[in-house]
Amino acid sequence: MRYYFLLLLLTASSLKGNCQDNKTGKVQYSGMYEVGMLIGKAYTKVNSQIVQGISFKNYFTGVGVALDPYGFRTIPVFAQFRYALHNNKSSPFAFASLGVSIPWNNGVIPEKYYNSDDTWHKLKVGPYAEAGIGYKVKLNDGHAMNLMLGYCYKRFNYTERTNYYTDAQQQYEDRYTYDYRRISLRVGFEF
């Protein structure tokens, strides 16, 4: 957790961007770095994400990538939409993210048979979604801090091939699907 926070601070201190009030109606670049907790039925994990996009008045749209270690480790890639109630110094907002969750095999599930080129497990890309609310506080230098609470969903699935040798070789494929539903609590830096 300390390393995520340190990385967030180092990155934020080197940014030259500006998160000014967008009351003029101009489209502006905006980016966010967020770190937080995924709280689920089984345990709690730290995750982080980066979202880059454009803002127009009270609206923001962008694309993001995250590290999601809850359950099986995945890399979600998503589009995010936000709407702030107003452009004052502090503002509540609502957000929604929709995308895919790409599995990142860390050796827990072997993909190949030992000493063979035959595929044993095949990992599959699954859906990813998150929706929630947040509160943005603009800082004096034009940047902003965000606090967000959301509901997060991802699906991880894979197929497993098994060879049985009786009179002749037979192959069976089993499919496994895991749905992860969690509460997300994040703090972020917007520039």
Protein backbone atom coordinates (compact mmCIF):
# COMPACT_ATOMS: atom_id res chain seq x y z
CA MET A 1 0.00 0.00 0.00
CA ARG A 2 2.86 2.40 0.80
CA TYR A 3 4.36 1.85 -2.64
CA TYR A 4 1.09 2.70 -4.41
CA PHE A 5 0.72 5.87 -2.37
CA LEU A 6 4.35 6.87 -2.97
CA LEU A 7 3.98 6.26 -6.71
CA LEU A 8 0.80 8.36 -6.74
CA LEU A 9 2.54 11.24 -4.95
CA LEU A 10 5.63 11.15 -7.16
CA THR A 11 3.54 11.11 -10.31
CA ALA A 12 1.25 13.87 -9.08
CA SER A 13 4.13 16.14 -8.11
CA SER A 14 5.63 15.97 -11.60
CA LEU A 15 2.44 16.84 -13.48
CA LYS A 16 2.19 20.16 -15.24
CA GLY A 17 -1.47 19.77 -16.27
CA ASN A 18 -4.28 22.01 -15.23
CA CYS A 19 -7.78 21.12 -14.09
CA GLN A 20 -9.41 24.52 -14.39
CA ASP A 21 -13.13 25.17 -14.24
CA ASN A 22 -14.56 24.29 -17.63
CA LYS A 23 -17.36 26.84 -17.75
CA THR A 24 -16.20 28.26 -21.08
CA GLY A 25 -17.54 25.35 -23.11
CA LYS A 26 -14.11 24.34 -24.40
CA VAL A 27 -13.02 20.74 -24.61
CA GLN A 28 -10.05 20.16 -22.29
CA TYR A 29 -7.68 17.27 -21.61
CA SER A 30 -8.03 15.66 -18.18
CA GLY A 31 -6.33 12.74 -16.51
CA MET A 32 -6.75 10.86 -13.25
CA TYR A 33 -4.60 8.57 -11.12
CA GLU A 34 -6.52 6.59 -8.52
CA VAL A 35 -5.64 4.08 -5.82
CA GLY A 36 -7.97 2.28 -3.46
CA MET A 37 -9.45 -0.88 -2.07
CA LEU A 38 -11.64 -3.59 -3.56
CA ILE A 39 -13.76 -5.00 -0.74
CA GLY A 40 -15.43 -8.31 -1.49
CA LYS A 41 -16.98 -11.28 0.23
CA ALA A 42 -13.70 -13.17 0.63
CA TYR A 43 -11.08 -10.47 1.27
CA THR A 44 -9.87 -6.94 0.49
CA LYS A 45 -7.25 -6.04 -2.14
CA VAL A 46 -5.49 -2.82 -3.14
CA ASN A 47 -5.90 -1.71 -6.74
CA SER A 48 -4.92 1.24 -8.88
CA GLN A 49 -6.05 2.74 -12.17
CA ILE A 50 -5.23 5.48 -14.66
CA VAL A 51 -7.91 7.25 -16.71
CA GLN A 52 -7.12 9.74 -19.50
CA GLY A 53 -9.71 11.67 -21.47
CA ILE A 54 -11.46 14.94 -22.19
CA SER A 55 -13.85 17.11 -20.22
CA PHE A 56 -16.55 19.44 -21.50
CA LYS A 57 -18.50 21.56 -19.00
CA ASN A 58 -19.74 19.05 -16.39
CA TYR A 59 -19.00 15.95 -18.49
CA PHE A 60 -15.91 13.75 -18.71
CA THR A 61 -15.21 10.79 -20.97
CA GLY A 62 -12.02 8.82 -21.23
CA VAL A 63 -10.29 5.47 -21.43
CA GLY A 64 -8.56 3.75 -18.57
CA VAL A 65 -6.49 0.80 -17.52
CA ALA A 66 -6.30 -0.77 -14.05
CA LEU A 67 -4.59 -3.48 -12.07
CA ASP A 68 -7.23 -5.70 -10.45
CA PRO A 69 -5.66 -8.37 -8.19
CA TYR A 70 -8.95 -9.48 -6.60
CA GLY A 71 -9.55 -13.19 -7.22
CA PHE A 72 -7.52 -13.90 -10.30
CA ARG A 73 -5.24 -11.02 -11.37
CA THR A 74 -6.58 -9.13 -14.42
CA ILE A 75 -5.93 -5.91 -16.32
CA PRO A 76 -9.25 -4.12 -16.95
CA VAL A 77 -9.32 -1.83 -20.00
CA PHE A 78 -12.41 0.37 -20.04
CA ALA A 79 -14.21 3.52 -21.12
CA GLN A 80 -15.31 5.82 -18.31
CA PHE A 81 -18.04 8.46 -18.22
CA ARG A 82 -18.52 11.04 -15.46
CA TYR A 83 -21.06 13.75 -14.77
CA ALA A 84 -20.47 16.42 -12.10
CA LEU A 85 -23.48 18.24 -10.69
CA HIS A 86 -21.74 21.62 -11.00
CA ASN A 87 -18.33 23.19 -11.65
CA ASN A 88 -17.87 24.86 -8.29
CA LYS A 89 -14.83 24.33 -6.07
CA SER A 90 -16.36 21.10 -4.71
CA SER A 91 -18.83 18.94 -6.56
CA PRO A 92 -20.43 15.52 -6.27
CA PHE A 93 -20.33 13.38 -9.41
CA ALA A 94 -21.53 10.06 -10.77
CA PHE A 95 -19.37 7.72 -12.86
CA ALA A 96 -19.68 4.53 -14.90
CA SER A 97 -17.00 2.35 -16.48
CA LEU A 98 -17.50 -0.40 -19.05
CA GLY A 99 -14.88 -2.58 -20.69
CA VAL A 100 -13.06 -5.90 -20.67
CA SER A 101 -10.96 -7.68 -18.08
CA ILE A 102 -7.82 -9.26 -19.56
CA PRO A 103 -6.39 -12.14 -17.47
CA TRP A 104 -2.79 -11.84 -16.34
CA ASN A 105 -1.58 -15.31 -15.52
CA ASN A 106 0.90 -15.20 -12.68
CA GLY A 107 1.62 -18.93 -12.74
CA VAL A 108 -1.35 -19.96 -10.61
CA ILE A 109 -2.96 -21.75 -13.56
CA PRO A 110 -0.40 -23.44 -15.85
CA GLU A 111 -1.21 -22.85 -19.51
CA LYS A 112 0.84 -25.74 -20.90
CA TYR A 113 1.31 -29.36 -19.93
CA TYR A 114 4.62 -30.08 -18.29
CA ASN A 115 7.29 -30.77 -20.96
CA SER A 116 4.72 -30.44 -23.73
CA ASP A 117 3.34 -27.89 -26.19
CA ASP A 118 -0.27 -28.99 -25.60
CA THR A 119 -2.54 -26.33 -24.13
CA TRP A 120 -3.93 -27.31 -20.77
CA HIS A 121 -5.70 -24.13 -19.63
CA LYS A 122 -6.97 -21.41 -21.90
CA LEU A 123 -7.68 -18.07 -20.19
CA LYS A 124 -10.44 -15.90 -21.64
CA VAL A 125 -11.19 -12.19 -21.65
CA GLY A 126 -14.31 -11.30 -19.65
CA PRO A 127 -16.51 -8.24 -19.10
CA TYR A 128 -15.70 -5.47 -16.62
CA ALA A 129 -18.06 -2.80 -15.26
CA GLU A 130 -18.16 -0.29 -12.42
CA ALA A 131 -20.63 2.40 -11.36
CA GLY A 132 -20.69 4.75 -8.42
CA ILE A 133 -20.60 8.20 -6.94
CA GLY A 134 -17.82 10.50 -5.87
CA TYR A 135 -16.88 13.89 -4.56
CA LYS A 136 -14.32 16.21 -6.19
CA VAL A 137 -12.46 18.92 -4.29
CA LYS A 138 -10.49 21.35 -6.47
CA LEU A 139 -7.14 22.45 -5.11
CA ASN A 140 -5.61 25.94 -5.32
CA ASP A 141 -3.16 24.93 -8.07
CA GLY A 142 -5.96 23.89 -10.45
CA HIS A 143 -5.71 20.17 -9.76
CA ALA A 144 -8.35 18.18 -7.88
CA MET A 145 -8.68 15.32 -5.39
CA ASN A 146 -11.45 12.76 -5.85
CA LEU A 147 -13.04 10.36 -3.38
CA MET A 148 -15.13 7.61 -4.96
CA LEU A 149 -17.40 4.78 -3.82
CA GLY A 150 -18.61 2.26 -6.37
CA TYR A 151 -19.83 -1.22 -7.19
CA CYS A 152 -17.38 -3.19 -9.35
CA TYR A 153 -17.95 -6.37 -11.38
CA LYS A 154 -15.58 -8.57 -13.37
CA ARG A 155 -15.78 -12.05 -14.85
CA PHE A 156 -12.89 -14.45 -15.15
CA ASN A 157 -13.25 -17.71 -17.05
CA TYR A 158 -11.05 -20.39 -18.49
CA THR A 159 -11.29 -23.81 -20.11
CA GLU A 160 -9.33 -26.83 -18.98
CA ARG A 161 -8.47 -29.66 -21.33
CA THR A 162 -7.96 -33.10 -19.83
CA ASN A 163 -6.63 -36.14 -21.67
CA TYR A 164 -7.85 -39.59 -20.66
CA TYR A 165 -6.15 -42.70 -21.91
CA THR A 166 -8.31 -45.79 -22.09
CA ASP A 167 -8.38 -47.89 -25.26
CA ALA A 168 -7.91 -44.65 -27.18
CA GLN A 169 -7.00 -41.12 -26.17
CA GLN A 170 -10.01 -38.97 -25.27
CA GLN A 171 -10.10 -35.26 -24.49
CA TYR A 172 -12.57 -33.45 -22.27
CA GLU A 173 -12.95 -29.73 -21.88
CA ASP A 174 -14.29 -28.25 -18.66
CA ARG A 175 -15.29 -24.59 -18.42
CA TYR A 176 -14.94 -22.55 -15.25
CA THR A 177 -16.49 -19.12 -14.70
CA TYR A 178 -15.97 -16.82 -11.74
CA ASP A 179 -17.98 -13.65 -11.19
CA TYR A 180 -16.44 -11.13 -8.79
CA ARG A 181 -18.69 -8.46 -7.28
CA ARG A 182 -16.98 -5.95 -5.01
CA ILE A 183 -17.32 -2.55 -3.39
CA SER A 184 -14.62 -0.12 -4.53
CA LEU A 185 -13.34 2.75 -2.43
CA ARG A 186 -10.74 4.98 -4.10
CA VAL A 187 -8.96 8.27 -3.70
CA GLY A 188 -7.61 9.95 -6.80
CA PHE A 189 -5.66 12.88 -8.14
CA GLU A 190 -7.03 14.73 -11.18
CA PHE A 191 -5.02 17.05 -13.36
